[in-house]
Amino acid sequence: MLYVYDRTDVITHNDGQRMDAVTIVPSASVELPLLSGPTATCHIAANSTSIYIGTNADIQAAVVSKETLEAHKISEPFESDVNDPVSAITAADEGAVVISWGG
């Protein structure tokens, strides 16, 4: 399950001091099509349009649209006899996301 929150910052100035009042409230939840468990490790990264999520308990990852909050499965991009789980997910500053499978 992916929980989505809304954050609101209200910045004020009082007697020369800058104050930041932060409010965070839950706004949605997304059911993820992933296997997990009590010993699973979660991998997550995002770019401007999507959130990429995987666990070391599943051979597939998921991509969630930030706009619609729809989740879709992502499979390993090549044919393999080995069903390796997701081992890492990283994102670069320019928005490229890399999902790694296996060791």
PDB file of N, CA and C in Angstrom:
ATOM      1  N   MET A   1       0.849  -1.173   0.000  1.00  0.00           N
ATOM      2  CA  MET A   1       0.000   0.000   0.000  1.00  0.00           C
ATOM      3  C   MET A   1       0.897   1.238   0.000  1.00  0.00           C
ATOM      4  N   LEU A   2       0.583   2.182  -0.859  1.00  0.00           N
ATOM      5  CA  LEU A   2       1.282   3.457  -0.899  1.00  0.00           C
ATOM      6  C   LEU A   2       0.335   4.514  -0.358  1.00  0.00           C
ATOM      7  N   TYR A   3       0.768   5.231   0.654  1.00  0.00           N
ATOM      8  CA  TYR A   3      -0.049   6.291   1.241  1.00  0.00           C
ATOM      9  C   TYR A   3       0.412   7.644   0.705  1.00  0.00           C
ATOM     10  N   VAL A   4      -0.535   8.484   0.305  1.00  0.00           N
ATOM     11  CA  VAL A   4      -0.253   9.793  -0.269  1.00  0.00           C
ATOM     12  C   VAL A   4      -0.688  10.857   0.743  1.00  0.00           C
ATOM     13  N   TYR A   5       0.160  11.865   0.901  1.00  0.00           N
ATOM     14  CA  TYR A   5      -0.106  12.942   1.857  1.00  0.00           C
ATOM     15  C   TYR A   5      -0.019  14.287   1.151  1.00  0.00           C
ATOM     16  N   ASP A   6      -0.792  15.264   1.633  1.00  0.00           N
ATOM     17  CA  ASP A   6      -0.699  16.645   1.175  1.00  0.00           C
ATOM     18  C   ASP A   6       0.025  17.450   2.239  1.00  0.00           C
ATOM     19  N   ARG A   7       0.990  18.252   1.799  1.00  0.00           N
ATOM     20  CA  ARG A   7       1.750  19.094   2.722  1.00  0.00           C
ATOM     21  C   ARG A   7       1.459  20.544   2.384  1.00  0.00           C
ATOM     22  N   THR A   8       1.164  21.330   3.408  1.00  0.00           N
ATOM     23  CA  THR A   8       0.925  22.763   3.258  1.00  0.00           C
ATOM     24  C   THR A   8       1.881  23.510   4.161  1.00  0.00           C
ATOM     25  N   ASP A   9       2.602  24.461   3.596  1.00  0.00           N
ATOM     26  CA  ASP A   9       3.502  25.321   4.366  1.00  0.00           C
ATOM     27  C   ASP A   9       2.924  26.729   4.390  1.00  0.00           C
ATOM     28  N   VAL A  10       2.845  27.324   5.567  1.00  0.00           N
ATOM     29  CA  VAL A  10       2.441  28.710   5.697  1.00  0.00           C
ATOM     30  C   VAL A  10       3.624  29.441   6.326  1.00  0.00           C
ATOM     31  N   ILE A  11       4.229  30.333   5.542  1.00  0.00           N
ATOM     32  CA  ILE A  11       5.409  31.052   6.007  1.00  0.00           C
ATOM     33  C   ILE A  11       4.990  32.460   6.403  1.00  0.00           C
ATOM     34  N   THR A  12       5.344  32.828   7.622  1.00  0.00           N
ATOM     35  CA  THR A  12       5.018  34.151   8.151  1.00  0.00           C
ATOM     36  C   THR A  12       6.285  34.791   8.714  1.00  0.00           C
ATOM     37  N   HIS A  13       6.210  36.103   8.870  1.00  0.00           N
ATOM     38  CA  HIS A  13       7.304  36.860   9.476  1.00  0.00           C
ATOM     39  C   HIS A  13       6.751  37.553  10.709  1.00  0.00           C
ATOM     40  N   ASN A  14       7.439  37.385  11.830  1.00  0.00           N
ATOM     41  CA  ASN A  14       6.980  37.966  13.082  1.00  0.00           C
ATOM     42  C   ASN A  14       8.202  38.478  13.856  1.00  0.00           C
ATOM     43  N   ASP A  15       8.254  39.766  14.098  1.00  0.00           N
ATOM     44  CA  ASP A  15       9.372  40.388  14.830  1.00  0.00           C
ATOM     45  C   ASP A  15      10.719  40.027  14.221  1.00  0.00           C
ATOM     46  N   GLY A  16      10.787  40.056  12.888  1.00  0.00           N
ATOM     47  CA  GLY A  16      12.038  39.776  12.204  1.00  0.00           C
ATOM     48  C   GLY A  16      12.381  38.300  12.073  1.00  0.00           C
ATOM     49  N   GLN A  17      11.544  37.439  12.614  1.00  0.00           N
ATOM     50  CA  GLN A  17      11.787  36.003  12.501  1.00  0.00           C
ATOM     51  C   GLN A  17      10.861  35.402  11.455  1.00  0.00           C
ATOM     52  N   ARG A  18      11.422  34.498  10.706  1.00  0.00           N
ATOM     53  CA  ARG A  18      10.634  33.790   9.697  1.00  0.00           C
ATOM     54  C   ARG A  18      10.137  32.488  10.311  1.00  0.00           C
ATOM     55  N   MET A  19       8.829  32.256  10.230  1.00  0.00           N
ATOM     56  CA  MET A  19       8.217  31.066  10.799  1.00  0.00           C
ATOM     57  C   MET A  19       7.588  30.244   9.682  1.00  0.00           C
ATOM     58  N   ASP A  20       7.668  28.934   9.827  1.00  0.00           N
ATOM     59  CA  ASP A  20       7.095  28.020   8.846  1.00  0.00           C
ATOM     60  C   ASP A  20       6.184  27.049   9.588  1.00  0.00           C
ATOM     61  N   ALA A  21       4.885  27.159   9.362  1.00  0.00           N
ATOM     62  CA  ALA A  21       3.917  26.236   9.956  1.00  0.00           C
ATOM     63  C   ALA A  21       3.591  25.172   8.913  1.00  0.00           C
ATOM     64  N   VAL A  22       3.853  23.923   9.239  1.00  0.00           N
ATOM     65  CA  VAL A  22       3.671  22.817   8.297  1.00  0.00           C
ATOM     66  C   VAL A  22       2.484  21.963   8.731  1.00  0.00           C
ATOM     67  N   THR A  23       1.615  21.671   7.771  1.00  0.00           N
ATOM     68  CA  THR A  23       0.492  20.761   8.002  1.00  0.00           C
ATOM     69  C   THR A  23       0.592  19.622   7.000  1.00  0.00           C
ATOM     70  N   ILE A  24       0.548  18.380   7.496  1.00  0.00           N
ATOM     71  CA  ILE A  24       0.580  17.204   6.631  1.00  0.00           C
ATOM     72  C   ILE A  24      -0.644  16.357   6.941  1.00  0.00           C
ATOM     73  N   VAL A  25      -1.444  16.087   5.886  1.00  0.00           N
ATOM     74  CA  VAL A  25      -2.665  15.299   6.080  1.00  0.00           C
ATOM     75  C   VAL A  25      -2.732  14.197   5.025  1.00  0.00           C
ATOM     76  N   PRO A  26      -3.250  13.009   5.402  1.00  0.00           N
ATOM     77  CA  PRO A  26      -3.413  11.937   4.408  1.00  0.00           C
ATOM     78  C   PRO A  26      -4.449  12.342   3.371  1.00  0.00           C
ATOM     79  N   SER A  27      -4.166  11.997   2.092  1.00  0.00           N
ATOM     80  CA  SER A  27      -5.107  12.374   1.037  1.00  0.00           C
ATOM     81  C   SER A  27      -5.558  11.202   0.173  1.00  0.00           C
ATOM     82  N   ALA A  28      -4.777  10.121   0.126  1.00  0.00           N
ATOM     83  CA  ALA A  28      -5.164   8.979  -0.710  1.00  0.00           C
ATOM     84  C   ALA A  28      -4.304   7.776  -0.347  1.00  0.00           C
ATOM     85  N   SER A  29      -4.723   6.623  -0.839  1.00  0.00           N
ATOM     86  CA  SER A  29      -3.903   5.416  -0.726  1.00  0.00           C
ATOM     87  C   SER A  29      -4.017   4.658  -2.044  1.00  0.00           C
ATOM     88  N   VAL A  30      -2.930   3.969  -2.391  1.00  0.00           N
ATOM     89  CA  VAL A  30      -2.870   3.245  -3.661  1.00  0.00           C
ATOM     90  C   VAL A  30      -2.502   1.800  -3.359  1.00  0.00           C
ATOM     91  N   GLU A  31      -3.340   0.872  -3.795  1.00  0.00           N
ATOM     92  CA  GLU A  31      -3.048  -0.556  -3.671  1.00  0.00           C
ATOM     93  C   GLU A  31      -1.982  -0.904  -4.703  1.00  0.00           C
ATOM     94  N   LEU A  32      -0.874  -1.470  -4.249  1.00  0.00           N
ATOM     95  CA  LEU A  32       0.218  -1.802  -5.151  1.00  0.00           C
ATOM     96  C   LEU A  32       0.157  -3.273  -5.546  1.00  0.00           C
ATOM     97  N   PRO A  33       0.394  -3.575  -6.816  1.00  0.00           N
ATOM     98  CA  PRO A  33       0.346  -4.965  -7.290  1.00  0.00           C
ATOM     99  C   PRO A  33       1.677  -5.682  -7.046  1.00  0.00           C
ATOM    100  N   LEU A  34       2.161  -5.657  -5.795  1.00  0.00           N
ATOM    101  CA  LEU A  34       3.472  -6.208  -5.459  1.00  0.00           C
ATOM    102  C   LEU A  34       3.382  -7.216  -4.326  1.00  0.00           C
ATOM    103  N   LEU A  35       4.311  -8.162  -4.344  1.00  0.00           N
ATOM    104  CA  LEU A  35       4.475  -9.057  -3.204  1.00  0.00           C
ATOM    105  C   LEU A  35       5.350  -8.365  -2.171  1.00  0.00           C
ATOM    106  N   SER A  36       5.090  -8.668  -0.902  1.00  0.00           N
ATOM    107  CA  SER A  36       5.868  -8.069   0.170  1.00  0.00           C
ATOM    108  C   SER A  36       5.939  -9.055   1.311  1.00  0.00           C
ATOM    109  N   GLY A  37       6.195  -8.569   2.494  1.00  0.00           N
ATOM    110  CA  GLY A  37       6.250  -9.422   3.663  1.00  0.00           C
ATOM    111  C   GLY A  37       7.071  -8.758   4.759  1.00  0.00           C
ATOM    112  N   PRO A  38       7.091  -9.375   5.941  1.00  0.00           N
ATOM    113  CA  PRO A  38       7.742  -8.737   7.093  1.00  0.00           C
ATOM    114  C   PRO A  38       9.256  -8.570   6.945  1.00  0.00           C
ATOM    115  N   THR A  39       9.904  -9.369   6.077  1.00  0.00           N
ATOM    116  CA  THR A  39      11.350  -9.233   5.902  1.00  0.00           C
ATOM    117  C   THR A  39      11.717  -8.588   4.566  1.00  0.00           C
ATOM    118  N   ALA A  40      10.740  -8.127   3.813  1.00  0.00           N
ATOM    119  CA  ALA A  40      10.991  -7.531   2.497  1.00  0.00           C
ATOM    120  C   ALA A  40      11.624  -6.148   2.635  1.00  0.00           C
ATOM    121  N   THR A  41      12.469  -5.823   1.670  1.00  0.00           N
ATOM    122  CA  THR A  41      13.064  -4.496   1.571  1.00  0.00           C
ATOM    123  C   THR A  41      12.387  -3.758   0.424  1.00  0.00           C
ATOM    124  N   CYS A  42      11.957  -2.531   0.695  1.00  0.00           N
ATOM    125  CA  CYS A  42      11.278  -1.726  -0.317  1.00  0.00           C
ATOM    126  C   CYS A  42      12.286  -0.829  -1.016  1.00  0.00           C
ATOM    127  N   HIS A  43      12.148  -0.708  -2.340  1.00  0.00           N
ATOM    128  CA  HIS A  43      12.966   0.196  -3.147  1.00  0.00           C
ATOM    129  C   HIS A  43      12.005   1.182  -3.808  1.00  0.00           C
ATOM    130  N   ILE A  44      12.337   2.486  -3.750  1.00  0.00           N
ATOM    131  CA  ILE A  44      11.424   3.485  -4.304  1.00  0.00           C
ATOM    132  C   ILE A  44      12.226   4.670  -4.839  1.00  0.00           C
ATOM    133  N   ALA A  45      11.796   5.183  -5.970  1.00  0.00           N
ATOM    134  CA  ALA A  45      12.376   6.390  -6.563  1.00  0.00           C
ATOM    135  C   ALA A  45      11.279   7.056  -7.390  1.00  0.00           C
ATOM    136  N   ALA A  46      11.484   8.325  -7.707  1.00  0.00           N
ATOM    137  CA  ALA A  46      10.458   9.057  -8.454  1.00  0.00           C
ATOM    138  C   ALA A  46      11.100  10.069  -9.390  1.00  0.00           C
ATOM    139  N   ASN A  47      10.318  10.465 -10.377  1.00  0.00           N
ATOM    140  CA  ASN A  47      10.666  11.605 -11.213  1.00  0.00           C
ATOM    141  C   ASN A  47       9.465  12.550 -11.196  1.00  0.00           C
ATOM    142  N   SER A  48       9.391  13.483 -12.121  1.00  0.00           N
ATOM    143  CA  SER A  48       8.327  14.492 -12.070  1.00  0.00           C
ATOM    144  C   SER A  48       6.940  13.929 -12.365  1.00  0.00           C
ATOM    145  N   THR A  49       6.851  12.753 -13.008  1.00  0.00           N
ATOM    146  CA  THR A  49       5.539  12.225 -13.398  1.00  0.00           C
ATOM    147  C   THR A  49       5.129  10.937 -12.699  1.00  0.00           C
ATOM    148  N   SER A  50       6.114  10.174 -12.197  1.00  0.00           N
ATOM    149  CA  SER A  50       5.801   8.823 -11.713  1.00  0.00           C
ATOM    150  C   SER A  50       6.620   8.444 -10.484  1.00  0.00           C
ATOM    151  N   ILE A  51       6.094   7.466  -9.746  1.00  0.00           N
ATOM    152  CA  ILE A  51       6.788   6.865  -8.619  1.00  0.00           C
ATOM    153  C   ILE A  51       7.020   5.402  -8.968  1.00  0.00           C
ATOM    154  N   TYR A  52       8.247   4.925  -8.781  1.00  0.00           N
ATOM    155  CA  TYR A  52       8.617   3.550  -9.108  1.00  0.00           C
ATOM    156  C   TYR A  52       8.901   2.818  -7.806  1.00  0.00           C
ATOM    157  N   ILE A  53       8.268   1.640  -7.622  1.00  0.00           N
ATOM    158  CA  ILE A  53       8.340   0.922  -6.359  1.00  0.00           C
ATOM    159  C   ILE A  53       8.574  -0.550  -6.629  1.00  0.00           C
ATOM    160  N   GLY A  54       9.406  -1.174  -5.806  1.00  0.00           N
ATOM    161  CA  GLY A  54       9.627  -2.604  -5.906  1.00  0.00           C
ATOM    162  C   GLY A  54      10.077  -3.143  -4.559  1.00  0.00           C
ATOM    163  N   THR A  55      10.013  -4.452  -4.413  1.00  0.00           N
ATOM    164  CA  THR A  55      10.514  -5.096  -3.198  1.00  0.00           C
ATOM    165  C   THR A  55      11.402  -6.265  -3.595  1.00  0.00           C
ATOM    166  N   ASN A  56      12.246  -6.684  -2.665  1.00  0.00           N
ATOM    167  CA  ASN A  56      13.090  -7.844  -2.945  1.00  0.00           C
ATOM    168  C   ASN A  56      12.313  -9.149  -2.777  1.00  0.00           C
ATOM    169  N   ALA A  57      11.002  -9.057  -2.562  1.00  0.00           N
ATOM    170  CA  ALA A  57      10.140 -10.233  -2.464  1.00  0.00           C
ATOM    171  C   ALA A  57       9.370 -10.479  -3.761  1.00  0.00           C
ATOM    172  N   ASP A  58       9.604  -9.635  -4.792  1.00  0.00           N
ATOM    173  CA  ASP A  58       8.831  -9.739  -6.027  1.00  0.00           C
ATOM    174  C   ASP A  58       9.755  -9.605  -7.229  1.00  0.00           C
ATOM    175  N   ILE A  59       9.396 -10.285  -8.312  1.00  0.00           N
ATOM    176  CA  ILE A  59      10.178 -10.187  -9.545  1.00  0.00           C
ATOM    177  C   ILE A  59       9.659  -9.071 -10.442  1.00  0.00           C
ATOM    178  N   GLN A  60       8.618  -8.372 -10.007  1.00  0.00           N
ATOM    179  CA  GLN A  60       8.090  -7.238 -10.748  1.00  0.00           C
ATOM    180  C   GLN A  60       8.148  -5.990  -9.888  1.00  0.00           C
ATOM    181  N   ALA A  61       8.175  -4.842 -10.548  1.00  0.00           N
ATOM    182  CA  ALA A  61       8.085  -3.553  -9.880  1.00  0.00           C
ATOM    183  C   ALA A  61       6.747  -2.926 -10.265  1.00  0.00           C
ATOM    184  N   ALA A  62       6.468  -1.758  -9.726  1.00  0.00           N
ATOM    185  CA  ALA A  62       5.240  -1.043 -10.079  1.00  0.00           C
ATOM    186  C   ALA A  62       5.587   0.404 -10.372  1.00  0.00           C
ATOM    187  N   VAL A  63       4.817   0.998 -11.268  1.00  0.00           N
ATOM    188  CA  VAL A  63       4.928   2.426 -11.535  1.00  0.00           C
ATOM    189  C   VAL A  63       3.571   3.043 -11.231  1.00  0.00           C
ATOM    190  N   VAL A  64       3.590   4.158 -10.486  1.00  0.00           N
ATOM    191  CA  VAL A  64       2.366   4.860 -10.097  1.00  0.00           C
ATOM    192  C   VAL A  64       2.401   6.252 -10.711  1.00  0.00           C
ATOM    193  N   SER A  65       1.363   6.600 -11.449  1.00  0.00           N
ATOM    194  CA  SER A  65       1.240   7.931 -12.027  1.00  0.00           C
ATOM    195  C   SER A  65       0.949   8.935 -10.912  1.00  0.00           C
ATOM    196  N   LYS A  66       1.723  10.003 -10.840  1.00  0.00           N
ATOM    197  CA  LYS A  66       1.454  11.040  -9.836  1.00  0.00           C
ATOM    198  C   LYS A  66       0.148  11.780 -10.125  1.00  0.00           C
ATOM    199  N   GLU A  67      -0.242  11.844 -11.387  1.00  0.00           N
ATOM    200  CA  GLU A  67      -1.453  12.562 -11.773  1.00  0.00           C
ATOM    201  C   GLU A  67      -2.717  11.773 -11.459  1.00  0.00           C
ATOM    202  N   THR A  68      -2.739  10.482 -11.818  1.00  0.00           N
ATOM    203  CA  THR A  68      -3.966   9.685 -11.678  1.00  0.00           C
ATOM    204  C   THR A  68      -3.928   8.709 -10.507  1.00  0.00           C
ATOM    205  N   LEU A  69      -2.748   8.463  -9.951  1.00  0.00           N
ATOM    206  CA  LEU A  69      -2.514   7.485  -8.878  1.00  0.00           C
ATOM    207  C   LEU A  69      -2.842   6.052  -9.316  1.00  0.00           C
ATOM    208  N   GLU A  70      -2.785   5.789 -10.629  1.00  0.00           N
ATOM    209  CA  GLU A  70      -2.970   4.429 -11.138  1.00  0.00           C
ATOM    210  C   GLU A  70      -1.634   3.694 -11.072  1.00  0.00           C
ATOM    211  N   ALA A  71      -1.688   2.435 -10.622  1.00  0.00           N
ATOM    212  CA  ALA A  71      -0.484   1.614 -10.511  1.00  0.00           C
ATOM    213  C   ALA A  71      -0.483   0.538 -11.590  1.00  0.00           C
ATOM    214  N   HIS A  72       0.689   0.303 -12.192  1.00  0.00           N
ATOM    215  CA  HIS A  72       0.863  -0.723 -13.217  1.00  0.00           C
ATOM    216  C   HIS A  72       2.138  -1.508 -12.924  1.00  0.00           C
ATOM    217  N   LYS A  73       2.125  -2.798 -13.265  1.00  0.00           N
ATOM    218  CA  LYS A  73       3.293  -3.656 -13.069  1.00  0.00           C
ATOM    219  C   LYS A  73       4.343  -3.397 -14.147  1.00  0.00           C
ATOM    220  N   ILE A  74       5.600  -3.578 -13.754  1.00  0.00           N
ATOM    221  CA  ILE A  74       6.732  -3.513 -14.683  1.00  0.00           C
ATOM    222  C   ILE A  74       7.494  -4.813 -14.534  1.00  0.00           C
ATOM    223  N   SER A  75       7.760  -5.480 -15.644  1.00  0.00           N
ATOM    224  CA  SER A  75       8.517  -6.730 -15.620  1.00  0.00           C
ATOM    225  C   SER A  75       9.952  -6.487 -16.041  1.00  0.00           C
ATOM    226  N   GLU A  76      10.804  -7.443 -15.717  1.00  0.00           N
ATOM    227  CA  GLU A  76      12.190  -7.389 -16.148  1.00  0.00           C
ATOM    228  C   GLU A  76      12.210  -7.243 -17.672  1.00  0.00           C
ATOM    229  N   PRO A  77      13.041  -6.348 -18.216  1.00  0.00           N
ATOM    230  CA  PRO A  77      12.950  -6.006 -19.637  1.00  0.00           C
ATOM    231  C   PRO A  77      13.534  -7.024 -20.611  1.00  0.00           C
ATOM    232  N   PHE A  78      14.015  -8.159 -20.146  1.00  0.00           N
ATOM    233  CA  PHE A  78      14.562  -9.148 -21.066  1.00  0.00           C
ATOM    234  C   PHE A  78      14.174 -10.542 -20.606  1.00  0.00           C
ATOM    235  N   GLU A  79      14.172 -11.472 -21.553  1.00  0.00           N
ATOM    236  CA  GLU A  79      13.824 -12.855 -21.241  1.00  0.00           C
ATOM    237  C   GLU A  79      14.924 -13.483 -20.387  1.00  0.00           C
ATOM    238  N   SER A  80      14.518 -14.189 -19.346  1.00  0.00           N
ATOM    239  CA  SER A  80      15.492 -14.805 -18.461  1.00  0.00           C
ATOM    240  C   SER A  80      14.894 -16.069 -17.863  1.00  0.00           C
ATOM    241  N   ASP A  81      15.739 -17.066 -17.669  1.00  0.00           N
ATOM    242  CA  ASP A  81      15.299 -18.278 -16.982  1.00  0.00           C
ATOM    243  C   ASP A  81      15.298 -18.080 -15.475  1.00  0.00           C
ATOM    244  N   VAL A  82      15.933 -17.010 -15.033  1.00  0.00           N
ATOM    245  CA  VAL A  82      16.036 -16.721 -13.603  1.00  0.00           C
ATOM    246  C   VAL A  82      15.008 -15.658 -13.248  1.00  0.00           C
ATOM    247  N   ASN A  83      14.244 -15.902 -12.223  1.00  0.00           N
ATOM    248  CA  ASN A  83      13.265 -14.915 -11.762  1.00  0.00           C
ATOM    249  C   ASN A  83      13.865 -14.130 -10.608  1.00  0.00           C
ATOM    250  N   ASP A  84      14.701 -13.161 -10.946  1.00  0.00           N
ATOM    251  CA  ASP A  84      15.371 -12.359  -9.924  1.00  0.00           C
ATOM    252  C   ASP A  84      14.447 -11.268  -9.404  1.00  0.00           C
ATOM    253  N   PRO A  85      14.478 -11.029  -8.093  1.00  0.00           N
ATOM    254  CA  PRO A  85      13.669  -9.953  -7.524  1.00  0.00           C
ATOM    255  C   PRO A  85      14.297  -8.587  -7.793  1.00  0.00           C
ATOM    256  N   VAL A  86      13.520  -7.551  -7.576  1.00  0.00           N
ATOM    257  CA  VAL A  86      14.015  -6.181  -7.693  1.00  0.00           C
ATOM    258  C   VAL A  86      15.087  -5.975  -6.623  1.00  0.00           C
ATOM    259  N   SER A  87      16.234  -5.427  -7.037  1.00  0.00           N
ATOM    260  CA  SER A  87      17.332  -5.230  -6.092  1.00  0.00           C
ATOM    261  C   SER A  87      17.649  -3.759  -5.840  1.00  0.00           C
ATOM    262  N   ALA A  88      17.201  -2.865  -6.720  1.00  0.00           N
ATOM    263  CA  ALA A  88      17.448  -1.433  -6.519  1.00  0.00           C
ATOM    264  C   ALA A  88      16.600  -0.632  -7.496  1.00  0.00           C
ATOM    265  N   ILE A  89      16.266   0.582  -7.093  1.00  0.00           N
ATOM    266  CA  ILE A  89      15.617   1.545  -7.980  1.00  0.00           C
ATOM    267  C   ILE A  89      16.276   2.891  -7.704  1.00  0.00           C
ATOM    268  N   THR A  90      16.775   3.536  -8.753  1.00  0.00           N
ATOM    269  CA  THR A  90      17.449   4.827  -8.590  1.00  0.00           C
ATOM    270  C   THR A  90      16.895   5.826  -9.600  1.00  0.00           C
ATOM    271  N   ALA A  91      17.020   7.104  -9.275  1.00  0.00           N
ATOM    272  CA  ALA A  91      16.578   8.169 -10.172  1.00  0.00           C
ATOM    273  C   ALA A  91      17.685   9.203 -10.310  1.00  0.00           C
ATOM    274  N   ALA A  92      17.837   9.718 -11.526  1.00  0.00           N
ATOM    275  CA  ALA A  92      18.801  10.775 -11.798  1.00  0.00           C
ATOM    276  C   ALA A  92      18.096  12.125 -11.780  1.00  0.00           C
ATOM    277  N   ASP A  93      18.874  13.180 -11.615  1.00  0.00           N
ATOM    278  CA  ASP A  93      18.304  14.530 -11.545  1.00  0.00           C
ATOM    279  C   ASP A  93      17.476  14.892 -12.772  1.00  0.00           C
ATOM    280  N   GLU A  94      17.871  14.394 -13.950  1.00  0.00           N
ATOM    281  CA  GLU A  94      17.136  14.747 -15.168  1.00  0.00           C
ATOM    282  C   GLU A  94      15.861  13.932 -15.350  1.00  0.00           C
ATOM    283  N   GLY A  95      15.574  12.973 -14.422  1.00  0.00           N
ATOM    284  CA  GLY A  95      14.309  12.248 -14.461  1.00  0.00           C
ATOM    285  C   GLY A  95      14.387  10.796 -14.868  1.00  0.00           C
ATOM    286  N   ALA A  96      15.548  10.346 -15.323  1.00  0.00           N
ATOM    287  CA  ALA A  96      15.672   8.942 -15.712  1.00  0.00           C
ATOM    288  C   ALA A  96      15.619   8.050 -14.467  1.00  0.00           C
ATOM    289  N   VAL A  97      14.870   6.953 -14.547  1.00  0.00           N
ATOM    290  CA  VAL A  97      14.746   5.997 -13.444  1.00  0.00           C
ATOM    291  C   VAL A  97      15.268   4.655 -13.925  1.00  0.00           C
ATOM    292  N   VAL A  98      16.101   4.007 -13.097  1.00  0.00           N
ATOM    293  CA  VAL A  98      16.668   2.705 -13.421  1.00  0.00           C
ATOM    294  C   VAL A  98      16.207   1.699 -12.378  1.00  0.00           C
ATOM    295  N   ILE A  99      15.636   0.577 -12.846  1.00  0.00           N
ATOM    296  CA  ILE A  99      15.234  -0.509 -11.968  1.00  0.00           C
ATOM    297  C   ILE A  99      16.199  -1.660 -12.210  1.00  0.00           C
ATOM    298  N   SER A 100      16.777  -2.189 -11.136  1.00  0.00           N
ATOM    299  CA  SER A 100      17.720  -3.314 -11.250  1.00  0.00           C
ATOM    300  C   SER A 100      17.104  -4.566 -10.656  1.00  0.00           C
ATOM    301  N   TRP A 101      17.368  -5.692 -11.321  1.00  0.00           N
ATOM    302  CA  TRP A 101      16.908  -6.985 -10.854  1.00  0.00           C
ATOM    303  C   TRP A 101      18.122  -7.856 -10.521  1.00  0.00           C
ATOM    304  N   GLY A 102      17.984  -8.683  -9.530  1.00  0.00           N
ATOM    305  CA  GLY A 102      19.045  -9.635  -9.187  1.00  0.00           C
ATOM    306  C   GLY A 102      20.115  -9.021  -8.312  1.00  0.00           C
ATOM    307  N   GLY A 103      21.251  -9.701  -8.232  1.00  0.00           N
ATOM    308  CA  GLY A 103      22.343  -9.298  -7.352  1.00  0.00           C
ATOM    309  C   GLY A 103      23.133  -8.190  -7.907  1.00  0.00           C
TER     310      GLY A 103
END
